Amino acid sequence: MPDQDQAELRLSVARLRQEHEDYDVAINAMIQTGCDALRIQRMKKKKLAIKDKITKIEDVIIPDIIA
């Protein structure tokens, strides 16, 4: 994989991690304020989808090597 492609993927992972952290903070704030449980559940689902994207990109960057 060319270095430029790998750098772009690493940048995407960094952005997604920041977004994942932002969702975590927002969810905790919603829980503290007693927000609607359905809204919290939807936010958690979006957070999980972001985590899945991070995992997929990391698998491309660092492929599994069968020893």
PDB file of N, CA and C in Angstrom:
ATOM      1  N   MET A   1       0.854  -1.171   0.000  1.00  0.00           N
ATOM      2  CA  MET A   1       0.000   0.000   0.000  1.00  0.00           C
ATOM      3  C   MET A   1       0.903   1.238   0.000  1.00  0.00           C
ATOM      4  N   PRO A   2       0.643   2.183  -0.903  1.00  0.00           N
ATOM      5  CA  PRO A   2       1.451   3.401  -0.943  1.00  0.00           C
ATOM      6  C   PRO A   2       1.359   4.191   0.365  1.00  0.00           C
ATOM      7  N   ASP A   3       2.436   4.894   0.669  1.00  0.00           N
ATOM      8  CA  ASP A   3       2.490   5.655   1.925  1.00  0.00           C
ATOM      9  C   ASP A   3       1.388   6.706   2.008  1.00  0.00           C
ATOM     10  N   GLN A   4       1.060   7.322   0.879  1.00  0.00           N
ATOM     11  CA  GLN A   4       0.031   8.358   0.886  1.00  0.00           C
ATOM     12  C   GLN A   4      -1.334   7.771   1.240  1.00  0.00           C
ATOM     13  N   ASP A   5      -1.649   6.613   0.677  1.00  0.00           N
ATOM     14  CA  ASP A   5      -2.923   5.958   0.996  1.00  0.00           C
ATOM     15  C   ASP A   5      -2.981   5.588   2.471  1.00  0.00           C
ATOM     16  N   GLN A   6      -1.884   5.063   2.967  1.00  0.00           N
ATOM     17  CA  GLN A   6      -1.840   4.665   4.374  1.00  0.00           C
ATOM     18  C   GLN A   6      -1.971   5.891   5.281  1.00  0.00           C
ATOM     19  N   ALA A   7      -1.356   6.991   4.906  1.00  0.00           N
ATOM     20  CA  ALA A   7      -1.460   8.220   5.691  1.00  0.00           C
ATOM     21  C   ALA A   7      -2.902   8.729   5.705  1.00  0.00           C
ATOM     22  N   GLU A   8      -3.578   8.643   4.562  1.00  0.00           N
ATOM     23  CA  GLU A   8      -4.976   9.072   4.496  1.00  0.00           C
ATOM     24  C   GLU A   8      -5.864   8.192   5.378  1.00  0.00           C
ATOM     25  N   LEU A   9      -5.590   6.895   5.365  1.00  0.00           N
ATOM     26  CA  LEU A   9      -6.364   5.983   6.202  1.00  0.00           C
ATOM     27  C   LEU A   9      -6.123   6.267   7.684  1.00  0.00           C
ATOM     28  N   ARG A  10      -4.882   6.536   8.036  1.00  0.00           N
ATOM     29  CA  ARG A  10      -4.572   6.861   9.438  1.00  0.00           C
ATOM     30  C   ARG A  10      -5.252   8.159   9.865  1.00  0.00           C
ATOM     31  N   LEU A  11      -5.320   9.119   8.962  1.00  0.00           N
ATOM     32  CA  LEU A  11      -6.013  10.370   9.246  1.00  0.00           C
ATOM     33  C   LEU A  11      -7.511  10.115   9.432  1.00  0.00           C
ATOM     34  N   SER A  12      -8.075   9.254   8.605  1.00  0.00           N
ATOM     35  CA  SER A  12      -9.494   8.899   8.738  1.00  0.00           C
ATOM     36  C   SER A  12      -9.762   8.239  10.084  1.00  0.00           C
ATOM     37  N   VAL A  13      -8.854   7.357  10.493  1.00  0.00           N
ATOM     38  CA  VAL A  13      -9.010   6.692  11.791  1.00  0.00           C
ATOM     39  C   VAL A  13      -8.958   7.717  12.917  1.00  0.00           C
ATOM     40  N   ALA A  14      -8.045   8.669  12.825  1.00  0.00           N
ATOM     41  CA  ALA A  14      -7.933   9.696  13.863  1.00  0.00           C
ATOM     42  C   ALA A  14      -9.215  10.525  13.951  1.00  0.00           C
ATOM     43  N   ARG A  15      -9.770  10.880  12.799  1.00  0.00           N
ATOM     44  CA  ARG A  15     -11.030  11.643  12.788  1.00  0.00           C
ATOM     45  C   ARG A  15     -12.173  10.833  13.383  1.00  0.00           C
ATOM     46  N   LEU A  16     -12.236   9.567  13.006  1.00  0.00           N
ATOM     47  CA  LEU A  16     -13.310   8.719  13.529  1.00  0.00           C
ATOM     48  C   LEU A  16     -13.166   8.499  15.030  1.00  0.00           C
ATOM     49  N   ARG A  17     -11.937   8.359  15.502  1.00  0.00           N
ATOM     50  CA  ARG A  17     -11.729   8.206  16.956  1.00  0.00           C
ATOM     51  C   ARG A  17     -12.193   9.448  17.694  1.00  0.00           C
ATOM     52  N   GLN A  18     -11.918  10.619  17.133  1.00  0.00           N
ATOM     53  CA  GLN A  18     -12.372  11.860  17.758  1.00  0.00           C
ATOM     54  C   GLN A  18     -13.897  11.928  17.769  1.00  0.00           C
ATOM     55  N   GLU A  19     -14.508  11.543  16.660  1.00  0.00           N
ATOM     56  CA  GLU A  19     -15.965  11.524  16.588  1.00  0.00           C
ATOM     57  C   GLU A  19     -16.545  10.525  17.593  1.00  0.00           C
ATOM     58  N   HIS A  20     -15.899   9.371  17.727  1.00  0.00           N
ATOM     59  CA  HIS A  20     -16.323   8.347  18.683  1.00  0.00           C
ATOM     60  C   HIS A  20     -16.262   8.909  20.104  1.00  0.00           C
ATOM     61  N   GLU A  21     -15.183   9.611  20.406  1.00  0.00           N
ATOM     62  CA  GLU A  21     -15.037  10.217  21.735  1.00  0.00           C
ATOM     63  C   GLU A  21     -16.098  11.300  21.958  1.00  0.00           C
ATOM     64  N   ASP A  22     -16.383  12.079  20.920  1.00  0.00           N
ATOM     65  CA  ASP A  22     -17.418  13.115  21.028  1.00  0.00           C
ATOM     66  C   ASP A  22     -18.783  12.500  21.330  1.00  0.00           C
ATOM     67  N   TYR A  23     -19.086  11.395  20.656  1.00  0.00           N
ATOM     68  CA  TYR A  23     -20.350  10.701  20.942  1.00  0.00           C
ATOM     69  C   TYR A  23     -20.381  10.205  22.381  1.00  0.00           C
ATOM     70  N   ASP A  24     -19.257   9.710  22.872  1.00  0.00           N
ATOM     71  CA  ASP A  24     -19.180   9.223  24.244  1.00  0.00           C
ATOM     72  C   ASP A  24     -19.487  10.346  25.228  1.00  0.00           C
ATOM     73  N   VAL A  25     -18.896  11.505  25.004  1.00  0.00           N
ATOM     74  CA  VAL A  25     -19.145  12.659  25.871  1.00  0.00           C
ATOM     75  C   VAL A  25     -20.611  13.078  25.791  1.00  0.00           C
ATOM     76  N   ALA A  26     -21.149  13.110  24.585  1.00  0.00           N
ATOM     77  CA  ALA A  26     -22.548  13.506  24.409  1.00  0.00           C
ATOM     78  C   ALA A  26     -23.496  12.520  25.087  1.00  0.00           C
ATOM     79  N   ILE A  27     -23.201  11.243  24.962  1.00  0.00           N
ATOM     80  CA  ILE A  27     -24.048  10.223  25.596  1.00  0.00           C
ATOM     81  C   ILE A  27     -24.013  10.372  27.110  1.00  0.00           C
ATOM     82  N   ASN A  28     -22.827  10.566  27.659  1.00  0.00           N
ATOM     83  CA  ASN A  28     -22.724  10.741  29.115  1.00  0.00           C
ATOM     84  C   ASN A  28     -23.476  11.981  29.578  1.00  0.00           C
ATOM     85  N   ALA A  29     -23.421  13.056  28.803  1.00  0.00           N
ATOM     86  CA  ALA A  29     -24.157  14.268  29.150  1.00  0.00           C
ATOM     87  C   ALA A  29     -25.665  14.019  29.086  1.00  0.00           C
ATOM     88  N   MET A  30     -26.087  13.269  28.084  1.00  0.00           N
ATOM     89  CA  MET A  30     -27.516  12.957  27.954  1.00  0.00           C
ATOM     90  C   MET A  30     -27.995  12.114  29.129  1.00  0.00           C
ATOM     91  N   ILE A  31     -27.160  11.191  29.567  1.00  0.00           N
ATOM     92  CA  ILE A  31     -27.525  10.349  30.708  1.00  0.00           C
ATOM     93  C   ILE A  31     -27.627  11.204  31.973  1.00  0.00           C
ATOM     94  N   GLN A  32     -26.687  12.120  32.146  1.00  0.00           N
ATOM     95  CA  GLN A  32     -26.681  12.983  33.332  1.00  0.00           C
ATOM     96  C   GLN A  32     -27.913  13.887  33.394  1.00  0.00           C
ATOM     97  N   THR A  33     -28.369  14.339  32.230  1.00  0.00           N
ATOM     98  CA  THR A  33     -29.521  15.247  32.214  1.00  0.00           C
ATOM     99  C   THR A  33     -30.848  14.501  32.187  1.00  0.00           C
ATOM    100  N   GLY A  34     -30.802  13.181  32.095  1.00  0.00           N
ATOM    101  CA  GLY A  34     -32.032  12.403  32.103  1.00  0.00           C
ATOM    102  C   GLY A  34     -32.775  12.465  30.781  1.00  0.00           C
ATOM    103  N   CYS A  35     -32.035  12.467  29.716  1.00  0.00           N
ATOM    104  CA  CYS A  35     -32.616  12.529  28.380  1.00  0.00           C
ATOM    105  C   CYS A  35     -33.398  11.243  28.066  1.00  0.00           C
ATOM    106  N   ASP A  36     -34.198  11.321  27.033  1.00  0.00           N
ATOM    107  CA  ASP A  36     -35.012  10.200  26.580  1.00  0.00           C
ATOM    108  C   ASP A  36     -34.135   8.978  26.281  1.00  0.00           C
ATOM    109  N   ALA A  37     -34.525   7.826  26.785  1.00  0.00           N
ATOM    110  CA  ALA A  37     -33.743   6.591  26.627  1.00  0.00           C
ATOM    111  C   ALA A  37     -33.598   6.196  25.150  1.00  0.00           C
ATOM    112  N   LEU A  38     -34.606   6.478  24.348  1.00  0.00           N
ATOM    113  CA  LEU A  38     -34.549   6.136  22.929  1.00  0.00           C
ATOM    114  C   LEU A  38     -33.466   6.957  22.215  1.00  0.00           C
ATOM    115  N   ARG A  39     -33.359   8.239  22.549  1.00  0.00           N
ATOM    116  CA  ARG A  39     -32.307   9.076  21.969  1.00  0.00           C
ATOM    117  C   ARG A  39     -30.921   8.567  22.364  1.00  0.00           C
ATOM    118  N   ILE A  40     -30.787   8.194  23.609  1.00  0.00           N
ATOM    119  CA  ILE A  40     -29.497   7.667  24.087  1.00  0.00           C
ATOM    120  C   ILE A  40     -29.160   6.383  23.341  1.00  0.00           C
ATOM    121  N   GLN A  41     -30.135   5.526  23.164  1.00  0.00           N
ATOM    122  CA  GLN A  41     -29.925   4.266  22.453  1.00  0.00           C
ATOM    123  C   GLN A  41     -29.497   4.527  21.009  1.00  0.00           C
ATOM    124  N   ARG A  42     -30.104   5.501  20.357  1.00  0.00           N
ATOM    125  CA  ARG A  42     -29.740   5.839  18.977  1.00  0.00           C
ATOM    126  C   ARG A  42     -28.305   6.363  18.901  1.00  0.00           C
ATOM    127  N   MET A  43     -27.932   7.184  19.874  1.00  0.00           N
ATOM    128  CA  MET A  43     -26.568   7.717  19.909  1.00  0.00           C
ATOM    129  C   MET A  43     -25.567   6.580  20.111  1.00  0.00           C
ATOM    130  N   LYS A  44     -25.892   5.641  20.975  1.00  0.00           N
ATOM    131  CA  LYS A  44     -25.007   4.503  21.214  1.00  0.00           C
ATOM    132  C   LYS A  44     -24.855   3.663  19.951  1.00  0.00           C
ATOM    133  N   LYS A  45     -25.936   3.536  19.193  1.00  0.00           N
ATOM    134  CA  LYS A  45     -25.889   2.771  17.945  1.00  0.00           C
ATOM    135  C   LYS A  45     -24.969   3.456  16.930  1.00  0.00           C
ATOM    136  N   LYS A  46     -25.051   4.788  16.843  1.00  0.00           N
ATOM    137  CA  LYS A  46     -24.170   5.542  15.950  1.00  0.00           C
ATOM    138  C   LYS A  46     -22.716   5.407  16.403  1.00  0.00           C
ATOM    139  N   LYS A  47     -22.508   5.446  17.694  1.00  0.00           N
ATOM    140  CA  LYS A  47     -21.153   5.305  18.247  1.00  0.00           C
ATOM    141  C   LYS A  47     -20.584   3.937  17.894  1.00  0.00           C
ATOM    142  N   LEU A  48     -21.395   2.914  17.987  1.00  0.00           N
ATOM    143  CA  LEU A  48     -20.958   1.567  17.635  1.00  0.00           C
ATOM    144  C   LEU A  48     -20.636   1.458  16.147  1.00  0.00           C
ATOM    145  N   ALA A  49     -21.428   2.110  15.302  1.00  0.00           N
ATOM    146  CA  ALA A  49     -21.163   2.096  13.863  1.00  0.00           C
ATOM    147  C   ALA A  49     -19.818   2.755  13.560  1.00  0.00           C
ATOM    148  N   ILE A  50     -19.502   3.818  14.274  1.00  0.00           N
ATOM    149  CA  ILE A  50     -18.210   4.479  14.087  1.00  0.00           C
ATOM    150  C   ILE A  50     -17.084   3.547  14.514  1.00  0.00           C
ATOM    151  N   LYS A  51     -17.269   2.851  15.614  1.00  0.00           N
ATOM    152  CA  LYS A  51     -16.253   1.900  16.089  1.00  0.00           C
ATOM    153  C   LYS A  51     -16.030   0.799  15.054  1.00  0.00           C
ATOM    154  N   ASP A  52     -17.100   0.345  14.416  1.00  0.00           N
ATOM    155  CA  ASP A  52     -16.976  -0.672  13.367  1.00  0.00           C
ATOM    156  C   ASP A  52     -16.181  -0.140  12.175  1.00  0.00           C
ATOM    157  N   LYS A  53     -16.412   1.132  11.803  1.00  0.00           N
ATOM    158  CA  LYS A  53     -15.657   1.736  10.710  1.00  0.00           C
ATOM    159  C   LYS A  53     -14.172   1.809  11.059  1.00  0.00           C
ATOM    160  N   ILE A  54     -13.888   2.189  12.296  1.00  0.00           N
ATOM    161  CA  ILE A  54     -12.495   2.268  12.753  1.00  0.00           C
ATOM    162  C   ILE A  54     -11.828   0.908  12.628  1.00  0.00           C
ATOM    163  N   THR A  55     -12.514  -0.119  13.063  1.00  0.00           N
ATOM    164  CA  THR A  55     -11.966  -1.476  13.014  1.00  0.00           C
ATOM    165  C   THR A  55     -11.690  -1.905  11.577  1.00  0.00           C
ATOM    166  N   LYS A  56     -12.609  -1.616  10.672  1.00  0.00           N
ATOM    167  CA  LYS A  56     -12.422  -1.995   9.267  1.00  0.00           C
ATOM    168  C   LYS A  56     -11.222  -1.283   8.656  1.00  0.00           C
ATOM    169  N   ILE A  57     -11.083  -0.002   8.932  1.00  0.00           N
ATOM    170  CA  ILE A  57      -9.951   0.745   8.380  1.00  0.00           C
ATOM    171  C   ILE A  57      -8.641   0.248   8.978  1.00  0.00           C
ATOM    172  N   GLU A  58      -8.637  -0.033  10.272  1.00  0.00           N
ATOM    173  CA  GLU A  58      -7.416  -0.545  10.908  1.00  0.00           C
ATOM    174  C   GLU A  58      -7.031  -1.905  10.337  1.00  0.00           C
ATOM    175  N   ASP A  59      -8.010  -2.704   9.980  1.00  0.00           N
ATOM    176  CA  ASP A  59      -7.716  -4.004   9.358  1.00  0.00           C
ATOM    177  C   ASP A  59      -7.049  -3.830   7.995  1.00  0.00           C
ATOM    178  N   VAL A  60      -7.404  -2.768   7.286  1.00  0.00           N
ATOM    179  CA  VAL A  60      -6.768  -2.484   6.002  1.00  0.00           C
ATOM    180  C   VAL A  60      -5.332  -2.011   6.220  1.00  0.00           C
ATOM    181  N   ILE A  61      -5.144  -1.168   7.219  1.00  0.00           N
ATOM    182  CA  ILE A  61      -3.816  -0.630   7.501  1.00  0.00           C
ATOM    183  C   ILE A  61      -2.876  -1.717   8.008  1.00  0.00           C
ATOM    184  N   ILE A  62      -3.373  -2.509   8.948  1.00  0.00           N
ATOM    185  CA  ILE A  62      -2.558  -3.573   9.545  1.00  0.00           C
ATOM    186  C   ILE A  62      -3.250  -4.899   9.278  1.00  0.00           C
ATOM    187  N   PRO A  63      -2.970  -5.543   8.158  1.00  0.00           N
ATOM    188  CA  PRO A  63      -3.643  -6.799   7.843  1.00  0.00           C
ATOM    189  C   PRO A  63      -3.189  -7.930   8.784  1.00  0.00           C
ATOM    190  N   ASP A  64      -4.076  -8.878   8.987  1.00  0.00           N
ATOM    191  CA  ASP A  64      -3.729 -10.052   9.783  1.00  0.00           C
ATOM    192  C   ASP A  64      -2.720 -10.890   9.017  1.00  0.00           C
ATOM    193  N   ILE A  65      -1.656 -11.260   9.685  1.00  0.00           N
ATOM    194  CA  ILE A  65      -0.645 -12.090   9.076  1.00  0.00           C
ATOM    195  C   ILE A  65      -0.702 -13.471   9.728  1.00  0.00           C
ATOM    196  N   ILE A  66      -0.913 -14.477   8.917  1.00  0.00           N
ATOM    197  CA  ILE A  66      -0.978 -15.837   9.453  1.00  0.00           C
ATOM    198  C   ILE A  66       0.447 -16.288   9.691  1.00  0.00           C
ATOM    199  N   ALA A  67       0.723 -16.625  10.940  1.00  0.00           N
ATOM    200  CA  ALA A  67       2.090 -17.023  11.289  1.00  0.00           C
ATOM    201  C   ALA A  67       2.334 -18.480  11.002  1.00  0.00           C
TER     202      ALA A  67
END
